[in-house]
């Protein structure tokens, strides 16, 4: 499955995960995951956060234990801002607002 690499340096990699691809391996191991794909070209890769299989968007993986710890703390302490957009078929009332 194709995905776009958005950013990469010595510490982390950020990619645009397409819908339909697992972020990390599931328990059954029947489907390929983004993490498994990245592991084919990286010495080490650490999961910082996940996106649901049906969700597309930017996902970050760390390349070392220290970066993993620091990035995980940012997510855990809500020091990151996550923005979600949803596509809707039909009409939604009210037309504006927050969920």
PDB file of N, CA and C in Angstrom:
ATOM      1  N   UNK A   1       0.852  -1.182   0.000  1.00  0.00           N
ATOM      2  CA  UNK A   1       0.000   0.000   0.000  1.00  0.00           C
ATOM      3  C   UNK A   1       0.889   1.234   0.000  1.00  0.00           C
ATOM      4  N   UNK A   2       0.519   2.221  -0.771  1.00  0.00           N
ATOM      5  CA  UNK A   2       1.306   3.434  -0.938  1.00  0.00           C
ATOM      6  C   UNK A   2       0.949   4.461   0.141  1.00  0.00           C
ATOM      7  N   UNK A   3       1.987   5.143   0.626  1.00  0.00           N
ATOM      8  CA  UNK A   3       1.780   6.260   1.548  1.00  0.00           C
ATOM      9  C   UNK A   3       2.846   7.305   1.275  1.00  0.00           C
ATOM     10  N   UNK A   4       2.557   8.543   1.667  1.00  0.00           N
ATOM     11  CA  UNK A   4       3.484   9.644   1.453  1.00  0.00           C
ATOM     12  C   UNK A   4       4.265   9.936   2.725  1.00  0.00           C
ATOM     13  N   UNK A   5       5.572  10.030   2.591  1.00  0.00           N
ATOM     14  CA  UNK A   5       6.431  10.442   3.694  1.00  0.00           C
ATOM     15  C   UNK A   5       6.384  11.964   3.755  1.00  0.00           C
ATOM     16  N   UNK A   6       6.019  12.513   4.900  1.00  0.00           N
ATOM     17  CA  UNK A   6       5.892  13.955   5.052  1.00  0.00           C
ATOM     18  C   UNK A   6       7.178  14.566   5.586  1.00  0.00           C
ATOM     19  N   UNK A   7       7.801  13.873   6.553  1.00  0.00           N
ATOM     20  CA  UNK A   7       9.019  14.389   7.185  1.00  0.00           C
ATOM     21  C   UNK A   7       9.818  13.214   7.717  1.00  0.00           C
ATOM     22  N   UNK A   8      11.139  13.339   7.643  1.00  0.00           N
ATOM     23  CA  UNK A   8      12.004  12.339   8.245  1.00  0.00           C
ATOM     24  C   UNK A   8      13.333  12.971   8.603  1.00  0.00           C
ATOM     25  N   UNK A   9      13.822  12.660   9.792  1.00  0.00           N
ATOM     26  CA  UNK A   9      15.163  13.040  10.203  1.00  0.00           C
ATOM     27  C   UNK A   9      15.771  11.868  10.976  1.00  0.00           C
ATOM     28  N   UNK A  10      16.817  12.101  11.735  1.00  0.00           N
ATOM     29  CA  UNK A  10      17.476  11.020  12.477  1.00  0.00           C
ATOM     30  C   UNK A  10      16.648  10.514  13.650  1.00  0.00           C
ATOM     31  N   UNK A  11      15.601  11.248  14.040  1.00  0.00           N
ATOM     32  CA  UNK A  11      14.861  10.940  15.255  1.00  0.00           C
ATOM     33  C   UNK A  11      13.443  10.423  15.034  1.00  0.00           C
ATOM     34  N   UNK A  12      12.804  10.875  13.957  1.00  0.00           N
ATOM     35  CA  UNK A  12      11.406  10.502  13.742  1.00  0.00           C
ATOM     36  C   UNK A  12      11.068  10.468  12.273  1.00  0.00           C
ATOM     37  N   UNK A  13       9.932   9.864  12.004  1.00  0.00           N
ATOM     38  CA  UNK A  13       9.383   9.837  10.653  1.00  0.00           C
ATOM     39  C   UNK A  13       7.884  10.106  10.750  1.00  0.00           C
ATOM     40  N   UNK A  14       7.394  11.001   9.898  1.00  0.00           N
ATOM     41  CA  UNK A  14       5.963  11.331   9.839  1.00  0.00           C
ATOM     42  C   UNK A  14       5.465  10.977   8.446  1.00  0.00           C
ATOM     43  N   UNK A  15       4.389  10.205   8.392  1.00  0.00           N
ATOM     44  CA  UNK A  15       3.834   9.796   7.107  1.00  0.00           C
ATOM     45  C   UNK A  15       2.332  10.043   7.082  1.00  0.00           C
ATOM     46  N   UNK A  16       1.801  10.155   5.883  1.00  0.00           N
ATOM     47  CA  UNK A  16       0.364  10.298   5.691  1.00  0.00           C
ATOM     48  C   UNK A  16      -0.208   8.894   5.515  1.00  0.00           C
ATOM     49  N   UNK A  17      -0.814   8.350   6.568  1.00  0.00           N
ATOM     50  CA  UNK A  17      -1.366   6.997   6.533  1.00  0.00           C
ATOM     51  C   UNK A  17      -2.669   6.991   5.743  1.00  0.00           C
ATOM     52  N   UNK A  18      -2.761   6.128   4.726  1.00  0.00           N
ATOM     53  CA  UNK A  18      -4.015   6.051   3.982  1.00  0.00           C
ATOM     54  C   UNK A  18      -5.074   5.260   4.743  1.00  0.00           C
ATOM     55  N   UNK A  19      -6.313   5.533   4.438  1.00  0.00           N
ATOM     56  CA  UNK A  19      -7.420   4.758   4.986  1.00  0.00           C
ATOM     57  C   UNK A  19      -7.291   3.317   4.521  1.00  0.00           C
ATOM     58  N   UNK A  20      -7.617   2.380   5.406  1.00  0.00           N
ATOM     59  CA  UNK A  20      -7.580   0.975   5.053  1.00  0.00           C
ATOM     60  C   UNK A  20      -6.312   0.257   5.461  1.00  0.00           C
ATOM     61  N   UNK A  21      -5.324   0.996   5.974  1.00  0.00           N
ATOM     62  CA  UNK A  21      -4.058   0.413   6.406  1.00  0.00           C
ATOM     63  C   UNK A  21      -3.970   0.491   7.929  1.00  0.00           C
ATOM     64  N   UNK A  22      -3.638  -0.621   8.566  1.00  0.00           N
ATOM     65  CA  UNK A  22      -3.445  -0.625  10.013  1.00  0.00           C
ATOM     66  C   UNK A  22      -2.234   0.224  10.384  1.00  0.00           C
ATOM     67  N   UNK A  23      -2.291   0.907  11.515  1.00  0.00           N
ATOM     68  CA  UNK A  23      -1.137   1.661  12.017  1.00  0.00           C
ATOM     69  C   UNK A  23      -0.075   0.712  12.550  1.00  0.00           C
ATOM     70  N   UNK A  24      -0.511  -0.235  13.358  1.00  0.00           N
ATOM     71  CA  UNK A  24       0.370  -1.225  13.977  1.00  0.00           C
ATOM     72  C   UNK A  24      -0.232  -2.606  13.764  1.00  0.00           C
ATOM     73  N   UNK A  25       0.571  -3.664  13.897  1.00  0.00           N
ATOM     74  CA  UNK A  25       0.023  -5.010  13.688  1.00  0.00           C
ATOM     75  C   UNK A  25      -1.126  -5.318  14.644  1.00  0.00           C
ATOM     76  N   UNK A  26      -2.122  -6.027  14.138  1.00  0.00           N
ATOM     77  CA  UNK A  26      -3.213  -6.466  15.013  1.00  0.00           C
ATOM     78  C   UNK A  26      -2.833  -7.799  15.659  1.00  0.00           C
ATOM     79  N   UNK A  27      -3.659  -8.271  16.565  1.00  0.00           N
ATOM     80  CA  UNK A  27      -3.356  -9.496  17.308  1.00  0.00           C
ATOM     81  C   UNK A  27      -3.266 -10.726  16.412  1.00  0.00           C
ATOM     82  N   UNK A  28      -4.063 -10.732  15.371  1.00  0.00           N
ATOM     83  CA  UNK A  28      -4.107 -11.894  14.490  1.00  0.00           C
ATOM     84  C   UNK A  28      -2.953 -11.919  13.492  1.00  0.00           C
ATOM     85  N   UNK A  29      -2.402 -10.752  13.179  1.00  0.00           N
ATOM     86  CA  UNK A  29      -1.276 -10.679  12.260  1.00  0.00           C
ATOM     87  C   UNK A  29      -1.590 -11.047  10.824  1.00  0.00           C
ATOM     88  N   UNK A  30      -2.842 -10.927  10.441  1.00  0.00           N
ATOM     89  CA  UNK A  30      -3.250 -11.312   9.089  1.00  0.00           C
ATOM     90  C   UNK A  30      -3.071 -10.191   8.065  1.00  0.00           C
ATOM     91  N   UNK A  31      -3.022  -8.953   8.537  1.00  0.00           N
ATOM     92  CA  UNK A  31      -2.915  -7.813   7.631  1.00  0.00           C
ATOM     93  C   UNK A  31      -1.607  -7.072   7.890  1.00  0.00           C
ATOM     94  N   UNK A  32      -1.047  -6.520   6.828  1.00  0.00           N
ATOM     95  CA  UNK A  32       0.170  -5.716   6.946  1.00  0.00           C
ATOM     96  C   UNK A  32      -0.170  -4.379   7.604  1.00  0.00           C
ATOM     97  N   UNK A  33       0.772  -3.840   8.356  1.00  0.00           N
ATOM     98  CA  UNK A  33       0.573  -2.543   9.017  1.00  0.00           C
ATOM     99  C   UNK A  33       1.629  -1.554   8.540  1.00  0.00           C
ATOM    100  N   UNK A  34       1.360  -0.286   8.755  1.00  0.00           N
ATOM    101  CA  UNK A  34       2.305   0.766   8.411  1.00  0.00           C
ATOM    102  C   UNK A  34       3.619   0.553   9.160  1.00  0.00           C
ATOM    103  N   UNK A  35       3.539   0.184  10.430  1.00  0.00           N
ATOM    104  CA  UNK A  35       4.750  -0.044  11.216  1.00  0.00           C
ATOM    105  C   UNK A  35       5.597  -1.156  10.595  1.00  0.00           C
ATOM    106  N   UNK A  36       4.966  -2.240  10.162  1.00  0.00           N
ATOM    107  CA  UNK A  36       5.704  -3.332   9.537  1.00  0.00           C
ATOM    108  C   UNK A  36       6.365  -2.892   8.235  1.00  0.00           C
ATOM    109  N   UNK A  37       5.683  -2.067   7.471  1.00  0.00           N
ATOM    110  CA  UNK A  37       6.254  -1.543   6.228  1.00  0.00           C
ATOM    111  C   UNK A  37       7.479  -0.695   6.537  1.00  0.00           C
ATOM    112  N   UNK A  38       7.373   0.182   7.542  1.00  0.00           N
ATOM    113  CA  UNK A  38       8.498   1.047   7.909  1.00  0.00           C
ATOM    114  C   UNK A  38       9.663   0.246   8.474  1.00  0.00           C
ATOM    115  N   UNK A  39       9.374  -0.837   9.172  1.00  0.00           N
ATOM    116  CA  UNK A  39      10.429  -1.660   9.752  1.00  0.00           C
ATOM    117  C   UNK A  39      11.314  -2.307   8.682  1.00  0.00           C
ATOM    118  N   UNK A  40      10.833  -2.381   7.478  1.00  0.00           N
ATOM    119  CA  UNK A  40      11.621  -2.966   6.393  1.00  0.00           C
ATOM    120  C   UNK A  40      12.799  -2.080   5.996  1.00  0.00           C
ATOM    121  N   UNK A  41      12.706  -0.781   6.308  1.00  0.00           N
ATOM    122  CA  UNK A  41      13.772   0.157   5.917  1.00  0.00           C
ATOM    123  C   UNK A  41      14.408   0.872   7.095  1.00  0.00           C
ATOM    124  N   UNK A  42      13.913   0.669   8.308  1.00  0.00           N
ATOM    125  CA  UNK A  42      14.419   1.353   9.500  1.00  0.00           C
ATOM    126  C   UNK A  42      15.084   0.353  10.435  1.00  0.00           C
ATOM    127  N   UNK A  43      16.162   0.775  11.113  1.00  0.00           N
ATOM    128  CA  UNK A  43      16.806  -0.091  12.101  1.00  0.00           C
ATOM    129  C   UNK A  43      15.850  -0.390  13.251  1.00  0.00           C
ATOM    130  N   UNK A  44      15.268   0.668  13.788  1.00  0.00           N
ATOM    131  CA  UNK A  44      14.277   0.543  14.861  1.00  0.00           C
ATOM    132  C   UNK A  44      13.147   1.500  14.562  1.00  0.00           C
ATOM    133  N   UNK A  45      11.958   1.163  15.022  1.00  0.00           N
ATOM    134  CA  UNK A  45      10.801   2.039  14.859  1.00  0.00           C
ATOM    135  C   UNK A  45       9.908   1.857  16.079  1.00  0.00           C
ATOM    136  N   UNK A  46       9.472   2.959  16.669  1.00  0.00           N
ATOM    137  CA  UNK A  46       8.676   2.936  17.894  1.00  0.00           C
ATOM    138  C   UNK A  46       7.365   3.666  17.657  1.00  0.00           C
ATOM    139  N   UNK A  47       6.270   3.066  18.101  1.00  0.00           N
ATOM    140  CA  UNK A  47       4.942   3.641  17.930  1.00  0.00           C
ATOM    141  C   UNK A  47       4.736   4.783  18.917  1.00  0.00           C
ATOM    142  N   UNK A  48       4.409   5.956  18.411  1.00  0.00           N
ATOM    143  CA  UNK A  48       4.136   7.124  19.251  1.00  0.00           C
ATOM    144  C   UNK A  48       2.636   7.256  19.481  1.00  0.00           C
ATOM    145  N   UNK A  49       1.853   7.090  18.441  1.00  0.00           N
ATOM    146  CA  UNK A  49       0.389   7.141  18.531  1.00  0.00           C
ATOM    147  C   UNK A  49      -0.161   6.321  17.380  1.00  0.00           C
ATOM    148  N   UNK A  50      -1.473   6.142  17.346  1.00  0.00           N
ATOM    149  CA  UNK A  50      -2.100   5.330  16.304  1.00  0.00           C
ATOM    150  C   UNK A  50      -3.251   6.080  15.663  1.00  0.00           C
ATOM    151  N   UNK A  51      -3.622   5.619  14.504  1.00  0.00           N
ATOM    152  CA  UNK A  51      -4.855   6.051  13.849  1.00  0.00           C
ATOM    153  C   UNK A  51      -5.635   4.788  13.510  1.00  0.00           C
ATOM    154  N   UNK A  52      -6.953   4.845  13.613  1.00  0.00           N
ATOM    155  CA  UNK A  52      -7.790   3.706  13.263  1.00  0.00           C
ATOM    156  C   UNK A  52      -7.551   3.302  11.811  1.00  0.00           C
ATOM    157  N   UNK A  53      -7.803   2.053  11.519  1.00  0.00           N
ATOM    158  CA  UNK A  53      -7.599   1.524  10.177  1.00  0.00           C
ATOM    159  C   UNK A  53      -8.337   2.350   9.122  1.00  0.00           C
ATOM    160  N   UNK A  54      -9.570   2.724   9.409  1.00  0.00           N
ATOM    161  CA  UNK A  54     -10.391   3.459   8.438  1.00  0.00           C
ATOM    162  C   UNK A  54     -10.043   4.944   8.359  1.00  0.00           C
ATOM    163  N   UNK A  55      -9.142   5.407   9.218  1.00  0.00           N
ATOM    164  CA  UNK A  55      -8.785   6.824   9.283  1.00  0.00           C
ATOM    165  C   UNK A  55      -7.510   7.091   8.511  1.00  0.00           C
ATOM    166  N   UNK A  56      -7.526   8.141   7.719  1.00  0.00           N
ATOM    167  CA  UNK A  56      -6.303   8.583   7.047  1.00  0.00           C
ATOM    168  C   UNK A  56      -5.770   9.797   7.793  1.00  0.00           C
ATOM    169  N   UNK A  57      -4.472  10.043   7.684  1.00  0.00           N
ATOM    170  CA  UNK A  57      -3.912  11.219   8.319  1.00  0.00           C
ATOM    171  C   UNK A  57      -2.458  11.029   8.703  1.00  0.00           C
ATOM    172  N   UNK A  58      -1.900  12.063   9.305  1.00  0.00           N
ATOM    173  CA  UNK A  58      -0.487  12.071   9.671  1.00  0.00           C
ATOM    174  C   UNK A  58      -0.264  11.236  10.922  1.00  0.00           C
ATOM    175  N   UNK A  59       0.733  10.367  10.850  1.00  0.00           N
ATOM    176  CA  UNK A  59       1.113   9.539  11.989  1.00  0.00           C
ATOM    177  C   UNK A  59       2.633   9.624  12.140  1.00  0.00           C
ATOM    178  N   UNK A  60       3.082   9.641  13.404  1.00  0.00           N
ATOM    179  CA  UNK A  60       4.499   9.809  13.716  1.00  0.00           C
ATOM    180  C   UNK A  60       5.038   8.552  14.392  1.00  0.00           C
ATOM    181  N   UNK A  61       6.210   8.114  13.959  1.00  0.00           N
ATOM    182  CA  UNK A  61       6.936   7.026  14.599  1.00  0.00           C
ATOM    183  C   UNK A  61       8.314   7.545  14.998  1.00  0.00           C
ATOM    184  N   UNK A  62       8.797   7.118  16.164  1.00  0.00           N
ATOM    185  CA  UNK A  62      10.131   7.491  16.627  1.00  0.00           C
ATOM    186  C   UNK A  62      11.145   6.475  16.133  1.00  0.00           C
ATOM    187  N   UNK A  63      12.391   6.930  16.000  1.00  0.00           N
ATOM    188  CA  UNK A  63      13.456   6.053  15.529  1.00  0.00           C
ATOM    189  C   UNK A  63      14.386   5.589  16.646  1.00  0.00           C
ATOM    190  N   UNK A  64      14.191   6.106  17.852  1.00  0.00           N
ATOM    191  CA  UNK A  64      15.008   5.667  18.980  1.00  0.00           C
ATOM    192  C   UNK A  64      14.194   5.772  20.265  1.00  0.00           C
ATOM    193  N   UNK A  65      14.679   5.136  21.321  1.00  0.00           N
ATOM    194  CA  UNK A  65      13.927   5.065  22.576  1.00  0.00           C
ATOM    195  C   UNK A  65      13.734   6.427  23.223  1.00  0.00           C
ATOM    196  N   UNK A  66      14.753   7.279  23.203  1.00  0.00           N
ATOM    197  CA  UNK A  66      14.629   8.592  23.840  1.00  0.00           C
ATOM    198  C   UNK A  66      13.604   9.468  23.120  1.00  0.00           C
ATOM    199  N   UNK A  67      13.650   9.482  21.805  1.00  0.00           N
ATOM    200  CA  UNK A  67      12.663  10.256  21.040  1.00  0.00           C
ATOM    201  C   UNK A  67      11.263   9.711  21.283  1.00  0.00           C
ATOM    202  N   UNK A  68      11.134   8.391  21.336  1.00  0.00           N
ATOM    203  CA  UNK A  68       9.842   7.772  21.625  1.00  0.00           C
ATOM    204  C   UNK A  68       9.305   8.251  22.966  1.00  0.00           C
ATOM    205  N   UNK A  69      10.152   8.261  23.976  1.00  0.00           N
ATOM    206  CA  UNK A  69       9.732   8.700  25.314  1.00  0.00           C
ATOM    207  C   UNK A  69       9.275  10.157  25.289  1.00  0.00           C
ATOM    208  N   UNK A  70      10.057  11.024  24.654  1.00  0.00           N
ATOM    209  CA  UNK A  70       9.724  12.451  24.622  1.00  0.00           C
ATOM    210  C   UNK A  70       8.439  12.719  23.835  1.00  0.00           C
ATOM    211  N   UNK A  71       8.297  12.097  22.670  1.00  0.00           N
ATOM    212  CA  UNK A  71       7.087  12.306  21.874  1.00  0.00           C
ATOM    213  C   UNK A  71       5.859  11.714  22.560  1.00  0.00           C
ATOM    214  N   UNK A  72       6.013  10.545  23.164  1.00  0.00           N
ATOM    215  CA  UNK A  72       4.890   9.919  23.877  1.00  0.00           C
ATOM    216  C   UNK A  72       4.420  10.792  25.027  1.00  0.00           C
ATOM    217  N   UNK A  73       5.342  11.431  25.732  1.00  0.00           N
ATOM    218  CA  UNK A  73       4.967  12.344  26.817  1.00  0.00           C
ATOM    219  C   UNK A  73       4.197  13.547  26.284  1.00  0.00           C
ATOM    220  N   UNK A  74       4.587  14.059  25.128  1.00  0.00           N
ATOM    221  CA  UNK A  74       3.850  15.184  24.532  1.00  0.00           C
ATOM    222  C   UNK A  74       2.399  14.794  24.249  1.00  0.00           C
ATOM    223  N   UNK A  75       2.196  13.610  23.691  1.00  0.00           N
ATOM    224  CA  UNK A  75       0.833  13.150  23.423  1.00  0.00           C
ATOM    225  C   UNK A  75       0.092  12.867  24.726  1.00  0.00           C
ATOM    226  N   UNK A  76       0.762  12.226  25.672  1.00  0.00           N
ATOM    227  CA  UNK A  76       0.128  11.879  26.953  1.00  0.00           C
ATOM    228  C   UNK A  76      -0.298  13.119  27.733  1.00  0.00           C
ATOM    229  N   UNK A  77       0.512  14.164  27.675  1.00  0.00           N
ATOM    230  CA  UNK A  77       0.217  15.397  28.414  1.00  0.00           C
ATOM    231  C   UNK A  77      -0.610  16.389  27.602  1.00  0.00           C
ATOM    232  N   UNK A  78      -1.128  15.937  26.466  1.00  0.00           N
ATOM    233  CA  UNK A  78      -1.972  16.762  25.587  1.00  0.00           C
ATOM    234  C   UNK A  78      -1.260  18.039  25.167  1.00  0.00           C
ATOM    235  N   UNK A  79       0.048  17.943  24.966  1.00  0.00           N
ATOM    236  CA  UNK A  79       0.840  19.084  24.504  1.00  0.00           C
ATOM    237  C   UNK A  79       0.881  19.142  22.983  1.00  0.00           C
ATOM    238  N   UNK A  80       0.194  18.231  22.342  1.00  0.00           N
ATOM    239  CA  UNK A  80       0.068  18.237  20.888  1.00  0.00           C
ATOM    240  C   UNK A  80      -1.359  18.652  20.539  1.00  0.00           C
ATOM    241  N   UNK A  81      -1.524  19.208  19.383  1.00  0.00           N
ATOM    242  CA  UNK A  81      -2.858  19.579  18.929  1.00  0.00           C
ATOM    243  C   UNK A  81      -3.251  18.647  17.795  1.00  0.00           C
ATOM    244  N   UNK A  82      -4.381  18.000  17.956  1.00  0.00           N
ATOM    245  CA  UNK A  82      -4.897  17.104  16.928  1.00  0.00           C
ATOM    246  C   UNK A  82      -6.115  17.769  16.296  1.00  0.00           C
ATOM    247  N   UNK A  83      -6.133  17.777  14.990  1.00  0.00           N
ATOM    248  CA  UNK A  83      -7.259  18.352  14.258  1.00  0.00           C
ATOM    249  C   UNK A  83      -7.834  17.255  13.364  1.00  0.00           C
ATOM    250  N   UNK A  84      -9.120  17.026  13.483  1.00  0.00           N
ATOM    251  CA  UNK A  84      -9.802  15.994  12.707  1.00  0.00           C
ATOM    252  C   UNK A  84     -10.816  16.639  11.782  1.00  0.00           C
ATOM    253  N   UNK A  85     -10.872  16.146  10.567  1.00  0.00           N
ATOM    254  CA  UNK A  85     -11.888  16.568   9.616  1.00  0.00           C
ATOM    255  C   UNK A  85     -12.691  15.334   9.227  1.00  0.00           C
ATOM    256  N   UNK A  86     -13.983  15.502   9.100  1.00  0.00           N
ATOM    257  CA  UNK A  86     -14.837  14.384   8.712  1.00  0.00           C
ATOM    258  C   UNK A  86     -15.593  14.699   7.439  1.00  0.00           C
ATOM    259  N   UNK A  87     -15.775  13.704   6.626  1.00  0.00           N
ATOM    260  CA  UNK A  87     -16.587  13.844   5.422  1.00  0.00           C
ATOM    261  C   UNK A  87     -17.976  13.296   5.722  1.00  0.00           C
ATOM    262  N   UNK A  88     -18.987  14.054   5.334  1.00  0.00           N
ATOM    263  CA  UNK A  88     -20.362  13.680   5.641  1.00  0.00           C
ATOM    264  C   UNK A  88     -21.152  13.614   4.344  1.00  0.00           C
ATOM    265  N   UNK A  89     -21.911  12.559   4.202  1.00  0.00           N
ATOM    266  CA  UNK A  89     -22.818  12.431   3.072  1.00  0.00           C
ATOM    267  C   UNK A  89     -24.209  12.833   3.556  1.00  0.00           C
ATOM    268  N   UNK A  90     -24.776  13.865   2.957  1.00  0.00           N
ATOM    269  CA  UNK A  90     -26.084  14.349   3.391  1.00  0.00           C
ATOM    270  C   UNK A  90     -25.951  15.676   4.112  1.00  0.00           C
ATOM    271  N   UNK A  91     -26.964  16.019   4.893  1.00  0.00           N
ATOM    272  CA  UNK A  91     -26.987  17.292   5.605  1.00  0.00           C
ATOM    273  C   UNK A  91     -26.838  17.054   7.100  1.00  0.00           C
ATOM    274  N   UNK A  92     -26.080  17.935   7.731  1.00  0.00           N
ATOM    275  CA  UNK A  92     -25.876  17.869   9.174  1.00  0.00           C
ATOM    276  C   UNK A  92     -26.425  19.155   9.780  1.00  0.00           C
ATOM    277  N   UNK A  93     -27.205  19.003  10.831  1.00  0.00           N
ATOM    278  CA  UNK A  93     -27.746  20.177  11.523  1.00  0.00           C
ATOM    279  C   UNK A  93     -27.241  20.175  12.946  1.00  0.00           C
ATOM    280  N   UNK A  94     -26.743  21.260  13.450  1.00  0.00           N
ATOM    281  CA  UNK A  94     -26.543  22.546  12.764  1.00  0.00           C
ATOM    282  C   UNK A  94     -25.356  22.461  11.797  1.00  0.00           C
ATOM    283  N   UNK A  95     -25.294  23.430  10.907  1.00  0.00           N
ATOM    284  CA  UNK A  95     -24.278  23.418   9.854  1.00  0.00           C
ATOM    285  C   UNK A  95     -22.875  23.695  10.381  1.00  0.00           C
ATOM    286  N   UNK A  96     -22.763  24.303  11.549  1.00  0.00           N
ATOM    287  CA  UNK A  96     -21.457  24.579  12.152  1.00  0.00           C
ATOM    288  C   UNK A  96     -21.477  24.145  13.609  1.00  0.00           C
ATOM    289  N   UNK A  97     -20.300  24.010  14.173  1.00  0.00           N
ATOM    290  CA  UNK A  97     -20.200  23.651  15.578  1.00  0.00           C
ATOM    291  C   UNK A  97     -19.008  22.749  15.843  1.00  0.00           C
ATOM    292  N   UNK A  98     -18.911  22.292  17.063  1.00  0.00           N
ATOM    293  CA  UNK A  98     -17.831  21.399  17.463  1.00  0.00           C
ATOM    294  C   UNK A  98     -18.414  20.117  18.006  1.00  0.00           C
ATOM    295  N   UNK A  99     -17.707  19.040  17.776  1.00  0.00           N
ATOM    296  CA  UNK A  99     -18.109  17.742  18.301  1.00  0.00           C
ATOM    297  C   UNK A  99     -17.104  17.340  19.353  1.00  0.00           C
TER     298      UNK A  99
END
